[in-house]
N, C-alpha and C. Protein backbone atom coordinates (compact mmCIF):
# COMPACT_ATOMS: atom_id res chain seq x y z
N MET A 1 3.58 168.91 97.67
CA MET A 1 4.67 169.68 97.07
C MET A 1 6.00 169.08 97.52
N ASN A 2 6.93 168.99 96.57
CA ASN A 2 8.26 168.46 96.88
C ASN A 2 9.02 169.42 97.78
N LYS A 3 9.74 168.85 98.73
CA LYS A 3 10.64 169.64 99.57
C LYS A 3 11.93 169.80 98.77
N MET A 4 12.46 171.02 98.79
CA MET A 4 13.68 171.28 98.04
C MET A 4 14.78 171.73 99.00
N HIS A 5 16.01 171.43 98.61
CA HIS A 5 17.18 171.94 99.31
C HIS A 5 17.90 172.83 98.29
N ILE A 6 18.05 174.12 98.64
CA ILE A 6 18.60 175.09 97.71
C ILE A 6 19.94 175.60 98.23
N ARG A 7 20.96 175.47 97.38
CA ARG A 7 22.29 176.03 97.70
C ARG A 7 22.57 177.20 96.76
N PHE A 8 23.00 178.28 97.34
CA PHE A 8 23.37 179.49 96.61
C PHE A 8 24.89 179.57 96.64
N VAL A 9 25.52 179.46 95.47
CA VAL A 9 26.98 179.49 95.40
C VAL A 9 27.40 180.87 94.90
N LYS A 10 28.18 181.56 95.74
CA LYS A 10 28.67 182.88 95.35
C LYS A 10 30.19 182.88 95.42
N LYS A 11 30.78 183.79 94.65
CA LYS A 11 32.23 183.74 94.44
C LYS A 11 32.95 184.88 95.15
N ILE A 12 34.11 184.54 95.68
CA ILE A 12 35.08 185.54 96.15
C ILE A 12 36.19 185.51 95.12
N LYS A 13 36.44 186.66 94.49
CA LYS A 13 37.45 186.73 93.43
C LYS A 13 38.85 186.62 94.01
N ALA A 14 39.81 186.37 93.12
CA ALA A 14 41.21 186.18 93.53
C ALA A 14 41.76 187.39 94.29
N ASP A 15 41.21 188.59 94.01
CA ASP A 15 41.69 189.79 94.71
C ASP A 15 41.04 189.97 96.09
N GLY A 16 40.19 189.01 96.47
CA GLY A 16 39.57 189.04 97.79
C GLY A 16 38.22 189.72 97.83
N ASN A 17 37.82 190.32 96.72
CA ASN A 17 36.52 191.00 96.67
C ASN A 17 35.41 190.05 96.26
N PRO A 18 34.21 190.27 96.79
CA PRO A 18 33.08 189.44 96.36
C PRO A 18 32.70 189.79 94.91
N CYS A 19 32.18 188.82 94.22
CA CYS A 19 31.71 189.01 92.85
C CYS A 19 30.54 190.00 92.87
N ARG A 20 30.58 191.00 91.99
CA ARG A 20 29.56 192.04 91.95
C ARG A 20 28.17 191.46 91.69
N LYS A 21 28.07 190.54 90.74
CA LYS A 21 26.77 189.96 90.41
C LYS A 21 26.23 189.14 91.59
N CYS A 22 27.13 188.49 92.34
CA CYS A 22 26.71 187.71 93.50
C CYS A 22 26.08 188.63 94.56
N ILE A 23 26.70 189.79 94.76
CA ILE A 23 26.16 190.77 95.73
C ILE A 23 24.78 191.23 95.28
N GLU A 24 24.66 191.53 93.98
CA GLU A 24 23.38 191.97 93.41
C GLU A 24 22.28 190.93 93.63
N VAL A 25 22.58 189.69 93.30
CA VAL A 25 21.59 188.62 93.42
C VAL A 25 21.19 188.41 94.88
N GLU A 26 22.17 188.41 95.78
CA GLU A 26 21.85 188.25 97.20
C GLU A 26 20.96 189.40 97.69
N GLN A 27 21.24 190.62 97.24
CA GLN A 27 20.42 191.77 97.64
C GLN A 27 19.00 191.64 97.09
N ARG A 28 18.87 191.17 95.86
CA ARG A 28 17.53 190.98 95.28
C ARG A 28 16.74 189.93 96.07
N LEU A 29 17.42 188.87 96.49
CA LEU A 29 16.75 187.85 97.32
C LEU A 29 16.29 188.46 98.64
N LYS A 30 17.16 189.26 99.28
CA LYS A 30 16.80 189.92 100.54
C LYS A 30 15.62 190.85 100.34
N ASP A 31 15.70 191.70 99.30
CA ASP A 31 14.65 192.69 99.04
C ASP A 31 13.29 192.03 98.79
N ALA A 32 13.31 190.87 98.16
CA ALA A 32 12.07 190.15 97.85
C ALA A 32 11.61 189.27 99.02
N GLY A 33 12.39 189.24 100.11
CA GLY A 33 12.03 188.40 101.24
C GLY A 33 12.21 186.92 100.97
N LEU A 34 13.11 186.59 100.05
CA LEU A 34 13.29 185.20 99.64
C LEU A 34 14.57 184.56 100.16
N LEU A 35 15.42 185.33 100.81
CA LEU A 35 16.69 184.77 101.27
C LEU A 35 16.47 183.62 102.25
N SER A 36 15.39 183.66 102.99
CA SER A 36 15.10 182.58 103.95
C SER A 36 14.81 181.25 103.25
N ARG A 37 14.51 181.29 101.94
CA ARG A 37 14.26 180.05 101.19
C ARG A 37 15.56 179.34 100.80
N ILE A 38 16.68 180.04 100.94
CA ILE A 38 17.98 179.46 100.61
C ILE A 38 18.45 178.67 101.82
N ASP A 39 18.70 177.38 101.62
CA ASP A 39 19.10 176.52 102.73
C ASP A 39 20.57 176.66 103.09
N GLN A 40 21.39 176.99 102.09
CA GLN A 40 22.83 177.03 102.33
C GLN A 40 23.47 178.01 101.36
N ILE A 41 24.35 178.87 101.88
CA ILE A 41 25.14 179.75 101.03
C ILE A 41 26.56 179.22 101.06
N VAL A 42 27.09 178.95 99.88
CA VAL A 42 28.41 178.34 99.73
C VAL A 42 29.32 179.33 99.01
N ILE A 43 30.56 179.41 99.47
CA ILE A 43 31.53 180.31 98.87
C ILE A 43 32.46 179.56 97.92
N ALA A 44 32.60 180.13 96.72
CA ALA A 44 33.58 179.64 95.75
C ALA A 44 34.73 180.65 95.79
N ASP A 45 35.81 180.27 96.44
CA ASP A 45 36.96 181.15 96.62
C ASP A 45 37.98 180.86 95.52
N GLU A 46 38.20 181.84 94.64
CA GLU A 46 39.13 181.64 93.52
C GLU A 46 40.55 181.34 93.98
N THR A 47 40.90 181.72 95.20
CA THR A 47 42.26 181.45 95.68
C THR A 47 42.37 180.08 96.34
N ASP A 48 41.23 179.39 96.49
CA ASP A 48 41.22 178.07 97.13
C ASP A 48 40.41 177.11 96.27
N LEU A 49 41.09 176.40 95.39
CA LEU A 49 40.40 175.50 94.47
C LEU A 49 39.68 174.36 95.19
N GLN A 50 40.00 174.15 96.49
CA GLN A 50 39.33 173.11 97.25
C GLN A 50 38.15 173.64 98.07
N SER A 51 37.86 174.96 97.95
CA SER A 51 36.70 175.50 98.67
C SER A 51 35.46 174.80 98.14
N GLU A 52 34.45 174.70 98.99
CA GLU A 52 33.25 173.94 98.61
C GLU A 52 32.63 174.46 97.33
N GLY A 53 32.55 175.77 97.19
CA GLY A 53 31.95 176.35 95.99
C GLY A 53 32.72 176.03 94.73
N MET A 54 34.05 176.05 94.81
CA MET A 54 34.87 175.71 93.65
C MET A 54 34.70 174.23 93.29
N ARG A 55 34.61 173.39 94.30
CA ARG A 55 34.39 171.95 94.05
C ARG A 55 33.03 171.72 93.39
N LEU A 56 32.00 172.42 93.89
CA LEU A 56 30.66 172.29 93.29
C LEU A 56 30.65 172.79 91.86
N ALA A 57 31.36 173.89 91.60
CA ALA A 57 31.43 174.42 90.23
C ALA A 57 32.04 173.39 89.29
N ARG A 58 33.10 172.73 89.74
CA ARG A 58 33.71 171.68 88.91
C ARG A 58 32.76 170.50 88.74
N GLU A 59 32.16 170.07 89.83
CA GLU A 59 31.27 168.91 89.79
C GLU A 59 30.11 169.13 88.81
N TYR A 60 29.54 170.33 88.82
CA TYR A 60 28.38 170.61 87.96
C TYR A 60 28.76 171.35 86.68
N LYS A 61 30.08 171.49 86.45
CA LYS A 61 30.60 172.12 85.23
C LYS A 61 30.02 173.53 85.01
N VAL A 62 30.05 174.31 86.08
CA VAL A 62 29.57 175.69 86.03
C VAL A 62 30.78 176.62 86.04
N GLU A 63 30.76 177.59 85.15
CA GLU A 63 31.90 178.50 85.04
C GLU A 63 31.58 179.92 85.46
N THR A 64 30.33 180.20 85.82
CA THR A 64 29.96 181.56 86.23
C THR A 64 29.31 181.53 87.61
N ALA A 65 29.43 182.64 88.29
CA ALA A 65 28.78 182.78 89.60
C ALA A 65 27.92 184.03 89.53
N PRO A 66 26.87 184.07 90.30
CA PRO A 66 26.43 183.04 91.22
C PRO A 66 25.66 181.95 90.48
N PHE A 67 25.49 180.83 91.19
CA PHE A 67 24.61 179.79 90.66
C PHE A 67 23.90 179.11 91.82
N PHE A 68 22.83 178.41 91.47
CA PHE A 68 21.99 177.75 92.47
C PHE A 68 21.90 176.28 92.15
N ILE A 69 22.01 175.46 93.19
CA ILE A 69 21.83 174.01 93.05
C ILE A 69 20.58 173.65 93.83
N VAL A 70 19.61 173.09 93.13
CA VAL A 70 18.32 172.76 93.73
C VAL A 70 18.16 171.25 93.70
N GLU A 71 18.02 170.65 94.88
CA GLU A 71 17.80 169.20 94.97
C GLU A 71 16.43 168.98 95.57
N ASN A 72 15.65 168.10 94.95
CA ASN A 72 14.34 167.81 95.52
C ASN A 72 14.35 166.45 96.20
N ASP A 73 13.27 166.15 96.91
CA ASP A 73 13.24 164.91 97.68
C ASP A 73 13.13 163.66 96.81
N ALA A 74 12.96 163.84 95.49
CA ALA A 74 12.95 162.71 94.57
C ALA A 74 14.37 162.39 94.09
N GLY A 75 15.34 163.16 94.60
CA GLY A 75 16.73 162.91 94.23
C GLY A 75 17.17 163.60 92.96
N GLU A 76 16.33 164.48 92.42
CA GLU A 76 16.69 165.21 91.20
C GLU A 76 17.45 166.48 91.57
N THR A 77 18.44 166.81 90.75
CA THR A 77 19.23 168.01 90.97
C THR A 77 19.16 168.88 89.72
N MET A 78 18.86 170.16 89.95
CA MET A 78 18.86 171.14 88.86
C MET A 78 19.86 172.22 89.23
N VAL A 79 20.59 172.70 88.23
CA VAL A 79 21.55 173.78 88.45
C VAL A 79 21.08 174.98 87.63
N TYR A 80 21.00 176.11 88.31
CA TYR A 80 20.56 177.35 87.66
C TYR A 80 21.70 178.35 87.68
N THR A 81 22.08 178.84 86.50
CA THR A 81 23.10 179.87 86.41
C THR A 81 22.48 181.23 86.08
N ILE A 82 21.19 181.23 85.77
CA ILE A 82 20.49 182.47 85.44
C ILE A 82 19.49 182.75 86.56
N PHE A 83 19.72 183.85 87.28
CA PHE A 83 18.91 184.17 88.45
C PHE A 83 17.42 184.26 88.12
N LEU A 84 17.05 184.96 87.05
CA LEU A 84 15.62 185.14 86.75
C LEU A 84 14.94 183.81 86.44
N LYS A 85 15.65 182.90 85.81
CA LYS A 85 15.09 181.57 85.53
C LYS A 85 14.90 180.81 86.85
N PHE A 86 15.88 180.89 87.75
CA PHE A 86 15.78 180.27 89.08
C PHE A 86 14.58 180.85 89.83
N LEU A 87 14.46 182.16 89.80
CA LEU A 87 13.35 182.84 90.49
C LEU A 87 12.01 182.36 89.94
N LYS A 88 11.88 182.35 88.63
CA LYS A 88 10.63 181.99 87.97
C LYS A 88 10.26 180.52 88.17
N GLU A 89 11.25 179.62 88.06
CA GLU A 89 10.97 178.19 88.09
C GLU A 89 10.98 177.59 89.49
N VAL A 90 11.72 178.19 90.42
CA VAL A 90 11.87 177.58 91.74
C VAL A 90 11.16 178.37 92.83
N LEU A 91 11.47 179.63 92.96
CA LEU A 91 10.93 180.39 94.09
C LEU A 91 9.53 180.93 93.85
N GLN A 92 9.24 181.46 92.68
CA GLN A 92 7.93 182.04 92.45
C GLN A 92 6.79 181.02 92.40
N PRO A 93 6.98 179.84 91.79
CA PRO A 93 5.87 178.87 91.84
C PRO A 93 5.50 178.50 93.27
N GLU A 94 6.49 178.41 94.14
CA GLU A 94 6.22 178.08 95.53
C GLU A 94 5.44 179.20 96.21
N LEU A 95 5.80 180.44 95.92
CA LEU A 95 5.06 181.57 96.49
C LEU A 95 3.62 181.55 96.01
N THR A 96 3.42 181.26 94.73
CA THR A 96 2.09 181.20 94.16
C THR A 96 1.26 180.10 94.84
N GLN A 97 1.88 178.93 95.05
CA GLN A 97 1.17 177.84 95.71
C GLN A 97 0.81 178.21 97.13
N LYS A 98 1.74 178.84 97.86
CA LYS A 98 1.45 179.26 99.23
C LYS A 98 0.32 180.25 99.25
N HIS A 99 0.30 181.17 98.29
CA HIS A 99 -0.75 182.18 98.23
C HIS A 99 -2.11 181.52 98.02
N HIS A 100 -2.17 180.53 97.14
CA HIS A 100 -3.44 179.84 96.89
C HIS A 100 -3.92 179.07 98.11
N VAL A 101 -2.99 178.51 98.86
CA VAL A 101 -3.36 177.75 100.05
C VAL A 101 -3.94 178.68 101.11
N SER A 102 -3.34 179.87 101.25
CA SER A 102 -3.79 180.78 102.31
C SER A 102 -4.99 181.61 101.91
N SER A 103 -5.35 181.60 100.63
CA SER A 103 -6.50 182.41 100.17
C SER A 103 -7.81 181.79 100.56
């Protein structure tokens, strides 16, 4: 199985508040016990265009938060802007594989 590096980019709005959807997604990851699979949480601060998250958003041409950047050991990078697609394609297949190994 390929080793993946997963970055979760969440936004802090210009008024200083966290993005509501970002909070929701992070809570869903916690509730499902999947937050430990995230290697790095990056902040996109709307008041700081040079923040790492804002730079990543520009680099990958993403206009919504949250989003996930998944890099595998083959050097491939996938960007997910839809949480359920990320869950289904990245996190759940790995859980399924782990379950089969331990069965």
